């Protein structure tokens, strides 16, 4: 498989002084690792973040149901949190 890497991004990072370290790190990864491995790592990180967010949503939903069952007056505050969370 051949992957097209946007060279302009790396050139832009090189031109910006505060990102010079990031640019060097990207070049190091490209030289030392295979592109497929880097993309696989990125995919796995995104997948882990996605699972974490789903679990957080489930936790908040279960907590909201529990609060409604207990009849606490602050339940409307948690509804607002759920709405903003999505």
PDB file of N, CA and C in Angstrom:
ATOM      1  N   UNK A   1       0.839  -1.189   0.000  1.00  0.00           N
ATOM      2  CA  UNK A   1       0.000   0.000   0.000  1.00  0.00           C
ATOM      3  C   UNK A   1       0.880   1.247   0.000  1.00  0.00           C
ATOM      4  N   UNK A   2       0.420   2.218  -0.726  1.00  0.00           N
ATOM      5  CA  UNK A   2       1.160   3.475  -0.760  1.00  0.00           C
ATOM      6  C   UNK A   2       0.293   4.560  -0.142  1.00  0.00           C
ATOM      7  N   UNK A   3       0.870   5.320   0.791  1.00  0.00           N
ATOM      8  CA  UNK A   3       0.142   6.383   1.464  1.00  0.00           C
ATOM      9  C   UNK A   3       0.722   7.727   1.050  1.00  0.00           C
ATOM     10  N   UNK A   4      -0.156   8.662   0.752  1.00  0.00           N
ATOM     11  CA  UNK A   4       0.286  10.009   0.409  1.00  0.00           C
ATOM     12  C   UNK A   4       0.375  10.832   1.682  1.00  0.00           C
ATOM     13  N   UNK A   5       1.568  11.291   1.968  1.00  0.00           N
ATOM     14  CA  UNK A   5       1.779  12.106   3.163  1.00  0.00           C
ATOM     15  C   UNK A   5       1.784  13.572   2.744  1.00  0.00           C
ATOM     16  N   UNK A   6       0.951  14.393   3.378  1.00  0.00           N
ATOM     17  CA  UNK A   6       0.940  15.812   3.018  1.00  0.00           C
ATOM     18  C   UNK A   6       2.247  16.488   3.430  1.00  0.00           C
ATOM     19  N   UNK A   7       3.143  16.623   2.470  1.00  0.00           N
ATOM     20  CA  UNK A   7       4.450  17.222   2.743  1.00  0.00           C
ATOM     21  C   UNK A   7       4.301  18.675   3.182  1.00  0.00           C
ATOM     22  N   UNK A   8       3.279  19.352   2.672  1.00  0.00           N
ATOM     23  CA  UNK A   8       3.103  20.770   3.011  1.00  0.00           C
ATOM     24  C   UNK A   8       2.926  20.962   4.521  1.00  0.00           C
ATOM     25  N   UNK A   9       2.305  19.974   5.188  1.00  0.00           N
ATOM     26  CA  UNK A   9       2.126  20.075   6.641  1.00  0.00           C
ATOM     27  C   UNK A   9       3.492  20.077   7.324  1.00  0.00           C
ATOM     28  N   UNK A  10       4.369  19.178   6.888  1.00  0.00           N
ATOM     29  CA  UNK A  10       5.689  19.106   7.506  1.00  0.00           C
ATOM     30  C   UNK A  10       6.504  20.364   7.202  1.00  0.00           C
ATOM     31  N   UNK A  11       6.371  20.882   5.979  1.00  0.00           N
ATOM     32  CA  UNK A  11       7.086  22.113   5.635  1.00  0.00           C
ATOM     33  C   UNK A  11       6.582  23.258   6.497  1.00  0.00           C
ATOM     34  N   UNK A  12       5.261  23.305   6.690  1.00  0.00           N
ATOM     35  CA  UNK A  12       4.690  24.362   7.525  1.00  0.00           C
ATOM     36  C   UNK A  12       5.187  24.239   8.961  1.00  0.00           C
ATOM     37  N   UNK A  13       5.213  23.020   9.473  1.00  0.00           N
ATOM     38  CA  UNK A  13       5.695  22.816  10.836  1.00  0.00           C
ATOM     39  C   UNK A  13       7.161  23.214  10.963  1.00  0.00           C
ATOM     40  N   UNK A  14       7.928  22.956   9.918  1.00  0.00           N
ATOM     41  CA  UNK A  14       9.338  23.313   9.966  1.00  0.00           C
ATOM     42  C   UNK A  14       9.529  24.827   9.980  1.00  0.00           C
ATOM     43  N   UNK A  15       8.646  25.534   9.289  1.00  0.00           N
ATOM     44  CA  UNK A  15       8.764  26.986   9.212  1.00  0.00           C
ATOM     45  C   UNK A  15       8.350  27.670  10.510  1.00  0.00           C
ATOM     46  N   UNK A  16       7.522  27.012  11.285  1.00  0.00           N
ATOM     47  CA  UNK A  16       7.097  27.595  12.551  1.00  0.00           C
ATOM     48  C   UNK A  16       8.076  27.160  13.630  1.00  0.00           C
ATOM     49  N   UNK A  17       8.679  28.122  14.275  1.00  0.00           N
ATOM     50  CA  UNK A  17       9.776  27.824  15.208  1.00  0.00           C
ATOM     51  C   UNK A  17       9.326  26.970  16.396  1.00  0.00           C
ATOM     52  N   UNK A  18       8.165  27.262  16.964  1.00  0.00           N
ATOM     53  CA  UNK A  18       7.761  26.536  18.170  1.00  0.00           C
ATOM     54  C   UNK A  18       7.387  25.091  17.885  1.00  0.00           C
ATOM     55  N   UNK A  19       7.173  24.741  16.611  1.00  0.00           N
ATOM     56  CA  UNK A  19       6.856  23.361  16.270  1.00  0.00           C
ATOM     57  C   UNK A  19       8.060  22.615  15.708  1.00  0.00           C
ATOM     58  N   UNK A  20       9.236  23.184  15.826  1.00  0.00           N
ATOM     59  CA  UNK A  20      10.412  22.550  15.239  1.00  0.00           C
ATOM     60  C   UNK A  20      10.691  21.185  15.881  1.00  0.00           C
ATOM     61  N   UNK A  21      10.427  21.084  17.170  1.00  0.00           N
ATOM     62  CA  UNK A  21      10.635  19.807  17.860  1.00  0.00           C
ATOM     63  C   UNK A  21       9.652  18.764  17.342  1.00  0.00           C
ATOM     64  N   UNK A  22       8.407  19.168  17.148  1.00  0.00           N
ATOM     65  CA  UNK A  22       7.392  18.262  16.612  1.00  0.00           C
ATOM     66  C   UNK A  22       7.759  17.814  15.199  1.00  0.00           C
ATOM     67  N   UNK A  23       8.261  18.745  14.414  1.00  0.00           N
ATOM     68  CA  UNK A  23       8.683  18.420  13.055  1.00  0.00           C
ATOM     69  C   UNK A  23       9.801  17.377  13.077  1.00  0.00           C
ATOM     70  N   UNK A  24      10.774  17.587  13.941  1.00  0.00           N
ATOM     71  CA  UNK A  24      11.890  16.642  14.047  1.00  0.00           C
ATOM     72  C   UNK A  24      11.394  15.261  14.476  1.00  0.00           C
ATOM     73  N   UNK A  25      10.445  15.240  15.394  1.00  0.00           N
ATOM     74  CA  UNK A  25       9.904  13.970  15.864  1.00  0.00           C
ATOM     75  C   UNK A  25       9.159  13.241  14.744  1.00  0.00           C
ATOM     76  N   UNK A  26       8.383  13.995  13.945  1.00  0.00           N
ATOM     77  CA  UNK A  26       7.654  13.385  12.821  1.00  0.00           C
ATOM     78  C   UNK A  26       8.623  12.795  11.807  1.00  0.00           C
ATOM     79  N   UNK A  27       9.677  13.540  11.499  1.00  0.00           N
ATOM     80  CA  UNK A  27      10.667  13.038  10.548  1.00  0.00           C
ATOM     81  C   UNK A  27      11.364  11.798  11.106  1.00  0.00           C
ATOM     82  N   UNK A  28      11.645  11.821  12.404  1.00  0.00           N
ATOM     83  CA  UNK A  28      12.270  10.661  13.046  1.00  0.00           C
ATOM     84  C   UNK A  28      11.369   9.429  12.923  1.00  0.00           C
ATOM     85  N   UNK A  29      10.068   9.617  13.195  1.00  0.00           N
ATOM     86  CA  UNK A  29       9.136   8.492  13.092  1.00  0.00           C
ATOM     87  C   UNK A  29       9.051   7.975  11.667  1.00  0.00           C
ATOM     88  N   UNK A  30       9.030   8.900  10.710  1.00  0.00           N
ATOM     89  CA  UNK A  30       8.923   8.480   9.319  1.00  0.00           C
ATOM     90  C   UNK A  30      10.175   7.728   8.876  1.00  0.00           C
ATOM     91  N   UNK A  31      11.309   8.095   9.413  1.00  0.00           N
ATOM     92  CA  UNK A  31      12.553   7.422   9.035  1.00  0.00           C
ATOM     93  C   UNK A  31      12.717   6.082   9.734  1.00  0.00           C
ATOM     94  N   UNK A  32      12.266   5.995  10.965  1.00  0.00           N
ATOM     95  CA  UNK A  32      12.519   4.794  11.759  1.00  0.00           C
ATOM     96  C   UNK A  32      11.389   3.764  11.686  1.00  0.00           C
ATOM     97  N   UNK A  33      10.186   4.219  11.450  1.00  0.00           N
ATOM     98  CA  UNK A  33       9.040   3.302  11.484  1.00  0.00           C
ATOM     99  C   UNK A  33       8.406   3.214  10.104  1.00  0.00           C
ATOM    100  N   UNK A  34       7.630   2.195   9.929  1.00  0.00           N
ATOM    101  CA  UNK A  34       6.865   2.078   8.701  1.00  0.00           C
ATOM    102  C   UNK A  34       5.591   2.906   8.832  1.00  0.00           C
ATOM    103  N   UNK A  35       5.144   3.426   7.702  1.00  0.00           N
ATOM    104  CA  UNK A  35       3.935   4.259   7.704  1.00  0.00           C
ATOM    105  C   UNK A  35       2.728   3.461   8.207  1.00  0.00           C
ATOM    106  N   UNK A  36       2.661   2.197   7.842  1.00  0.00           N
ATOM    107  CA  UNK A  36       1.529   1.374   8.267  1.00  0.00           C
ATOM    108  C   UNK A  36       1.468   1.266   9.788  1.00  0.00           C
ATOM    109  N   UNK A  37       2.636   1.143  10.410  1.00  0.00           N
ATOM    110  CA  UNK A  37       2.680   1.037  11.866  1.00  0.00           C
ATOM    111  C   UNK A  37       2.197   2.326  12.517  1.00  0.00           C
ATOM    112  N   UNK A  38       2.616   3.469  11.977  1.00  0.00           N
ATOM    113  CA  UNK A  38       2.191   4.759  12.527  1.00  0.00           C
ATOM    114  C   UNK A  38       0.683   4.915  12.395  1.00  0.00           C
ATOM    115  N   UNK A  39       0.142   4.571  11.216  1.00  0.00           N
ATOM    116  CA  UNK A  39      -1.306   4.694  11.011  1.00  0.00           C
ATOM    117  C   UNK A  39      -2.066   3.736  11.923  1.00  0.00           C
ATOM    118  N   UNK A  40      -1.507   2.559  12.137  1.00  0.00           N
ATOM    119  CA  UNK A  40      -2.150   1.602  13.044  1.00  0.00           C
ATOM    120  C   UNK A  40      -2.174   2.140  14.469  1.00  0.00           C
ATOM    121  N   UNK A  41      -1.083   2.753  14.898  1.00  0.00           N
ATOM    122  CA  UNK A  41      -1.036   3.337  16.241  1.00  0.00           C
ATOM    123  C   UNK A  41      -2.070   4.454  16.380  1.00  0.00           C
ATOM    124  N   UNK A  42      -2.144   5.315  15.360  1.00  0.00           N
ATOM    125  CA  UNK A  42      -3.121   6.410  15.395  1.00  0.00           C
ATOM    126  C   UNK A  42      -4.538   5.850  15.457  1.00  0.00           C
ATOM    127  N   UNK A  43      -4.813   4.818  14.645  1.00  0.00           N
ATOM    128  CA  UNK A  43      -6.139   4.206  14.637  1.00  0.00           C
ATOM    129  C   UNK A  43      -6.467   3.621  16.012  1.00  0.00           C
ATOM    130  N   UNK A  44      -5.498   2.942  16.624  1.00  0.00           N
ATOM    131  CA  UNK A  44      -5.735   2.334  17.944  1.00  0.00           C
ATOM    132  C   UNK A  44      -5.990   3.392  19.004  1.00  0.00           C
ATOM    133  N   UNK A  45      -5.248   4.494  18.952  1.00  0.00           N
ATOM    134  CA  UNK A  45      -5.453   5.572  19.923  1.00  0.00           C
ATOM    135  C   UNK A  45      -6.852   6.156  19.766  1.00  0.00           C
ATOM    136  N   UNK A  46      -7.271   6.403  18.519  1.00  0.00           N
ATOM    137  CA  UNK A  46      -8.621   6.943  18.285  1.00  0.00           C
ATOM    138  C   UNK A  46      -9.675   5.961  18.777  1.00  0.00           C
ATOM    139  N   UNK A  47      -9.453   4.673  18.543  1.00  0.00           N
ATOM    140  CA  UNK A  47     -10.413   3.657  18.970  1.00  0.00           C
ATOM    141  C   UNK A  47     -10.512   3.614  20.499  1.00  0.00           C
ATOM    142  N   UNK A  48      -9.378   3.713  21.180  1.00  0.00           N
ATOM    143  CA  UNK A  48      -9.382   3.714  22.649  1.00  0.00           C
ATOM    144  C   UNK A  48     -10.123   4.940  23.185  1.00  0.00           C
ATOM    145  N   UNK A  49      -9.883   6.106  22.582  1.00  0.00           N
ATOM    146  CA  UNK A  49     -10.575   7.329  23.004  1.00  0.00           C
ATOM    147  C   UNK A  49     -12.079   7.180  22.790  1.00  0.00           C
ATOM    148  N   UNK A  50     -12.460   6.586  21.652  1.00  0.00           N
ATOM    149  CA  UNK A  50     -13.882   6.382  21.356  1.00  0.00           C
ATOM    150  C   UNK A  50     -14.533   5.475  22.404  1.00  0.00           C
ATOM    151  N   UNK A  51     -13.883   4.385  22.742  1.00  0.00           N
ATOM    152  CA  UNK A  51     -14.421   3.476  23.766  1.00  0.00           C
ATOM    153  C   UNK A  51     -14.530   4.191  25.111  1.00  0.00           C
ATOM    154  N   UNK A  52     -13.508   4.982  25.450  1.00  0.00           N
ATOM    155  CA  UNK A  52     -13.531   5.729  26.716  1.00  0.00           C
ATOM    156  C   UNK A  52     -14.722   6.678  26.765  1.00  0.00           C
ATOM    157  N   UNK A  53     -14.978   7.392  25.656  1.00  0.00           N
ATOM    158  CA  UNK A  53     -16.109   8.329  25.636  1.00  0.00           C
ATOM    159  C   UNK A  53     -17.440   7.600  25.733  1.00  0.00           C
ATOM    160  N   UNK A  54     -17.537   6.458  25.069  1.00  0.00           N
ATOM    161  CA  UNK A  54     -18.781   5.670  25.168  1.00  0.00           C
ATOM    162  C   UNK A  54     -19.009   5.217  26.609  1.00  0.00           C
ATOM    163  N   UNK A  55     -17.944   4.757  27.268  1.00  0.00           N
ATOM    164  CA  UNK A  55     -18.085   4.319  28.662  1.00  0.00           C
ATOM    165  C   UNK A  55     -18.458   5.488  29.573  1.00  0.00           C
ATOM    166  N   UNK A  56     -17.886   6.671  29.306  1.00  0.00           N
ATOM    167  CA  UNK A  56     -18.234   7.850  30.091  1.00  0.00           C
ATOM    168  C   UNK A  56     -19.709   8.203  29.907  1.00  0.00           C
ATOM    169  N   UNK A  57     -20.202   8.117  28.684  1.00  0.00           N
ATOM    170  CA  UNK A  57     -21.618   8.398  28.429  1.00  0.00           C
ATOM    171  C   UNK A  57     -22.498   7.408  29.180  1.00  0.00           C
ATOM    172  N   UNK A  58     -22.127   6.123  29.153  1.00  0.00           N
ATOM    173  CA  UNK A  58     -22.899   5.117  29.874  1.00  0.00           C
ATOM    174  C   UNK A  58     -22.898   5.399  31.370  1.00  0.00           C
ATOM    175  N   UNK A  59     -21.745   5.795  31.903  1.00  0.00           N
ATOM    176  CA  UNK A  59     -21.650   6.098  33.331  1.00  0.00           C
ATOM    177  C   UNK A  59     -22.561   7.264  33.695  1.00  0.00           C
ATOM    178  N   UNK A  60     -22.539   8.331  32.862  1.00  0.00           N
ATOM    179  CA  UNK A  60     -23.382   9.487  33.156  1.00  0.00           C
ATOM    180  C   UNK A  60     -24.867   9.155  33.032  1.00  0.00           C
ATOM    181  N   UNK A  61     -25.229   8.337  32.044  1.00  0.00           N
ATOM    182  CA  UNK A  61     -26.633   7.935  31.892  1.00  0.00           C
ATOM    183  C   UNK A  61     -27.087   7.114  33.098  1.00  0.00           C
ATOM    184  N   UNK A  62     -26.253   6.157  33.512  1.00  0.00           N
ATOM    185  CA  UNK A  62     -26.618   5.327  34.667  1.00  0.00           C
ATOM    186  C   UNK A  62     -26.728   6.168  35.933  1.00  0.00           C
ATOM    187  N   UNK A  63     -25.846   7.131  36.074  1.00  0.00           N
ATOM    188  CA  UNK A  63     -25.895   8.012  37.245  1.00  0.00           C
ATOM    189  C   UNK A  63     -27.159   8.863  37.223  1.00  0.00           C
ATOM    190  N   UNK A  64     -27.522   9.345  36.032  1.00  0.00           N
ATOM    191  CA  UNK A  64     -28.731  10.162  35.899  1.00  0.00           C
ATOM    192  C   UNK A  64     -29.976   9.353  36.259  1.00  0.00           C
ATOM    193  N   UNK A  65     -30.041   8.101  35.790  1.00  0.00           N
ATOM    194  CA  UNK A  65     -31.176   7.231  36.121  1.00  0.00           C
ATOM    195  C   UNK A  65     -31.230   6.995  37.632  1.00  0.00           C
ATOM    196  N   UNK A  66     -30.070   6.781  38.240  1.00  0.00           N
ATOM    197  CA  UNK A  66     -30.010   6.564  39.685  1.00  0.00           C
ATOM    198  C   UNK A  66     -30.505   7.791  40.449  1.00  0.00           C
ATOM    199  N   UNK A  67     -30.111   8.975  39.973  1.00  0.00           N
ATOM    200  CA  UNK A  67     -30.539  10.209  40.641  1.00  0.00           C
ATOM    201  C   UNK A  67     -32.051  10.381  40.525  1.00  0.00           C
ATOM    202  N   UNK A  68     -32.602  10.072  39.341  1.00  0.00           N
ATOM    203  CA  UNK A  68     -34.048  10.171  39.196  1.00  0.00           C
ATOM    204  C   UNK A  68     -34.765   9.186  40.109  1.00  0.00           C
ATOM    205  N   UNK A  69     -34.222   7.987  40.271  1.00  0.00           N
ATOM    206  CA  UNK A  69     -34.845   6.990  41.148  1.00  0.00           C
ATOM    207  C   UNK A  69     -34.803   7.448  42.593  1.00  0.00           C
ATOM    208  N   UNK A  70     -33.745   8.113  42.997  1.00  0.00           N
ATOM    209  CA  UNK A  70     -33.639   8.578  44.374  1.00  0.00           C
ATOM    210  C   UNK A  70     -34.455   9.843  44.603  1.00  0.00           C
ATOM    211  N   UNK A  71     -34.854  10.505  43.533  1.00  0.00           N
ATOM    212  CA  UNK A  71     -35.695  11.694  43.677  1.00  0.00           C
ATOM    213  C   UNK A  71     -34.949  12.909  44.203  1.00  0.00           C
ATOM    214  N   UNK A  72     -33.675  13.057  43.864  1.00  0.00           N
ATOM    215  CA  UNK A  72     -32.907  14.216  44.319  1.00  0.00           C
ATOM    216  C   UNK A  72     -33.315  15.444  43.507  1.00  0.00           C
ATOM    217  N   UNK A  73     -33.366  16.591  44.148  1.00  0.00           N
ATOM    218  CA  UNK A  73     -33.818  17.813  43.489  1.00  0.00           C
ATOM    219  C   UNK A  73     -32.842  18.316  42.438  1.00  0.00           C
ATOM    220  N   UNK A  74     -31.593  17.916  42.497  1.00  0.00           N
ATOM    221  CA  UNK A  74     -30.591  18.431  41.566  1.00  0.00           C
ATOM    222  C   UNK A  74     -30.534  17.631  40.269  1.00  0.00           C
ATOM    223  N   UNK A  75     -31.543  16.833  39.988  1.00  0.00           N
ATOM    224  CA  UNK A  75     -31.526  16.002  38.787  1.00  0.00           C
ATOM    225  C   UNK A  75     -31.489  16.856  37.517  1.00  0.00           C
ATOM    226  N   UNK A  76     -32.153  18.021  37.522  1.00  0.00           N
ATOM    227  CA  UNK A  76     -32.178  18.859  36.317  1.00  0.00           C
ATOM    228  C   UNK A  76     -30.775  19.349  35.975  1.00  0.00           C
ATOM    229  N   UNK A  77     -29.911  19.509  36.970  1.00  0.00           N
ATOM    230  CA  UNK A  77     -28.529  19.937  36.715  1.00  0.00           C
ATOM    231  C   UNK A  77     -27.771  18.863  35.940  1.00  0.00           C
ATOM    232  N   UNK A  78     -28.008  17.597  36.291  1.00  0.00           N
ATOM    233  CA  UNK A  78     -27.347  16.507  35.579  1.00  0.00           C
ATOM    234  C   UNK A  78     -27.881  16.354  34.162  1.00  0.00           C
ATOM    235  N   UNK A  79     -29.147  16.668  33.941  1.00  0.00           N
ATOM    236  CA  UNK A  79     -29.703  16.635  32.588  1.00  0.00           C
ATOM    237  C   UNK A  79     -28.966  17.646  31.723  1.00  0.00           C
ATOM    238  N   UNK A  80     -28.696  18.836  32.259  1.00  0.00           N
ATOM    239  CA  UNK A  80     -27.966  19.857  31.510  1.00  0.00           C
ATOM    240  C   UNK A  80     -26.562  19.365  31.178  1.00  0.00           C
ATOM    241  N   UNK A  81     -25.912  18.681  32.109  1.00  0.00           N
ATOM    242  CA  UNK A  81     -24.572  18.141  31.853  1.00  0.00           C
ATOM    243  C   UNK A  81     -24.618  17.121  30.720  1.00  0.00           C
ATOM    244  N   UNK A  82     -25.628  16.246  30.739  1.00  0.00           N
ATOM    245  CA  UNK A  82     -25.763  15.237  29.686  1.00  0.00           C
ATOM    246  C   UNK A  82     -25.953  15.915  28.332  1.00  0.00           C
ATOM    247  N   UNK A  83     -26.797  16.939  28.281  1.00  0.00           N
ATOM    248  CA  UNK A  83     -27.066  17.626  27.015  1.00  0.00           C
ATOM    249  C   UNK A  83     -25.790  18.277  26.477  1.00  0.00           C
ATOM    250  N   UNK A  84     -25.043  18.946  27.332  1.00  0.00           N
ATOM    251  CA  UNK A  84     -23.816  19.588  26.877  1.00  0.00           C
ATOM    252  C   UNK A  84     -22.734  18.562  26.548  1.00  0.00           C
ATOM    253  N   UNK A  85     -22.791  17.390  27.181  1.00  0.00           N
ATOM    254  CA  UNK A  85     -21.783  16.367  26.931  1.00  0.00           C
ATOM    255  C   UNK A  85     -21.867  15.851  25.502  1.00  0.00           C
ATOM    256  N   UNK A  86     -23.094  15.733  24.981  1.00  0.00           N
ATOM    257  CA  UNK A  86     -23.256  15.282  23.607  1.00  0.00           C
ATOM    258  C   UNK A  86     -22.869  16.393  22.662  1.00  0.00           C
TER     259      UNK A  86
END
